[in-house]
Amino acid sequence: MARWPWVMTIVAPLIALTPPARDLFYSAFISSDRWMQDLMQLIYGAGVAIAILLGFIEWGIRVMLIRRRVRLAAVTGEHTTES
């Protein structure tokens, strides 16, 4: 099991390429209405922060699982090749 958060690495770009996400990006950075840009930049930033947070949570869970497997293997005397 790798420590890299593969699920978020795959899901985040797929969500970013959807038409609503592209419209949100347009509204946040290219729109002519200043109030709309401010509002959408806040929403866009929150979405990016949530995606990063979920990636860290996934990474933390993977690290805990790897450590648990290594500890269990040490107790039972099994050999493991995971890093």
Protein backbone atom coordinates (compact mmCIF):
# COMPACT_ATOMS: atom_id res chain seq x y z
CA MET A 1 0.00 0.00 0.00
CA ALA A 2 1.45 3.34 -1.03
CA ARG A 3 1.26 6.42 1.17
CA TRP A 4 0.30 8.69 -1.72
CA PRO A 5 -3.40 9.76 -1.65
CA TRP A 6 -4.36 8.15 -4.97
CA VAL A 7 -8.10 8.64 -4.61
CA MET A 8 -7.84 12.43 -4.25
CA THR A 9 -5.18 12.55 -6.98
CA ILE A 10 -7.66 10.99 -9.40
CA VAL A 11 -10.92 12.55 -8.17
CA ALA A 12 -9.77 16.19 -7.89
CA PRO A 13 -8.82 16.64 -11.59
CA LEU A 14 -11.99 14.84 -12.69
CA ILE A 15 -14.10 17.25 -10.65
CA ALA A 16 -12.07 20.23 -11.88
CA LEU A 17 -12.78 19.32 -15.51
CA THR A 18 -16.57 19.27 -15.16
CA PRO A 19 -18.56 22.09 -16.79
CA PRO A 20 -19.80 23.53 -13.45
CA ALA A 21 -16.22 23.71 -12.17
CA ARG A 22 -15.09 25.51 -15.33
CA ASP A 23 -17.98 27.97 -14.98
CA LEU A 24 -16.98 28.57 -11.36
CA PHE A 25 -13.39 29.22 -12.44
CA TYR A 26 -14.60 31.65 -15.12
CA SER A 27 -16.80 33.47 -12.61
CA ALA A 28 -13.99 33.63 -10.07
CA PHE A 29 -11.23 34.98 -12.29
CA ILE A 30 -12.59 36.25 -15.63
CA SER A 31 -16.03 37.68 -14.81
CA SER A 32 -16.55 41.42 -15.30
CA ASP A 33 -18.58 41.85 -12.10
CA ARG A 34 -16.22 42.60 -9.21
CA TRP A 35 -18.63 41.38 -6.50
CA MET A 36 -19.12 38.13 -8.41
CA GLN A 37 -15.34 37.65 -8.64
CA ASP A 38 -14.96 38.18 -4.89
CA LEU A 39 -17.73 35.72 -4.05
CA MET A 40 -16.60 33.05 -6.49
CA GLN A 41 -12.93 33.35 -5.46
CA LEU A 42 -14.03 32.66 -1.89
CA ILE A 43 -16.03 29.59 -2.97
CA TYR A 44 -13.24 28.40 -5.29
CA GLY A 45 -10.64 28.80 -2.55
CA ALA A 46 -12.83 26.88 -0.11
CA GLY A 47 -13.17 24.04 -2.61
CA VAL A 48 -9.41 23.84 -3.13
CA ALA A 49 -8.82 23.91 0.64
CA ILE A 50 -11.34 21.09 1.15
CA ALA A 51 -9.65 18.99 -1.56
CA ILE A 52 -6.24 19.51 0.06
CA LEU A 53 -7.65 18.65 3.50
CA LEU A 54 -9.21 15.45 2.17
CA GLY A 55 -5.88 14.52 0.58
CA PHE A 56 -4.11 14.94 3.93
CA ILE A 57 -6.79 12.89 5.69
CA GLU A 58 -6.42 10.10 3.12
CA TRP A 59 -2.63 10.23 3.47
CA GLY A 60 -2.91 10.04 7.28
CA ILE A 61 -5.21 7.03 7.14
CA ARG A 62 -2.82 5.25 4.77
CA VAL A 63 0.15 5.95 7.07
CA MET A 64 -1.78 4.58 10.07
CA LEU A 65 -2.74 1.43 8.16
CA ILE A 66 0.85 0.83 7.02
CA ARG A 67 2.17 1.29 10.56
CA ARG A 68 -0.49 -1.05 11.92
CA ARG A 69 0.43 -3.72 9.35
CA VAL A 70 4.13 -3.41 10.16
CA ARG A 71 3.44 -3.62 13.90
CA LEU A 72 1.19 -6.65 13.44
CA ALA A 73 3.81 -8.34 11.26
CA ALA A 74 6.46 -7.69 13.92
CA VAL A 75 4.26 -9.23 16.63
CA THR A 76 3.33 -12.30 14.60
CA GLY A 77 6.83 -12.71 13.15
CA GLU A 78 5.76 -12.39 9.52
CA HIS A 79 8.02 -10.75 6.99
CA THR A 80 6.73 -7.63 5.21
CA THR A 81 8.28 -5.79 2.27
CA GLU A 82 6.31 -2.55 2.62
CA SER A 83 8.09 0.68 3.39
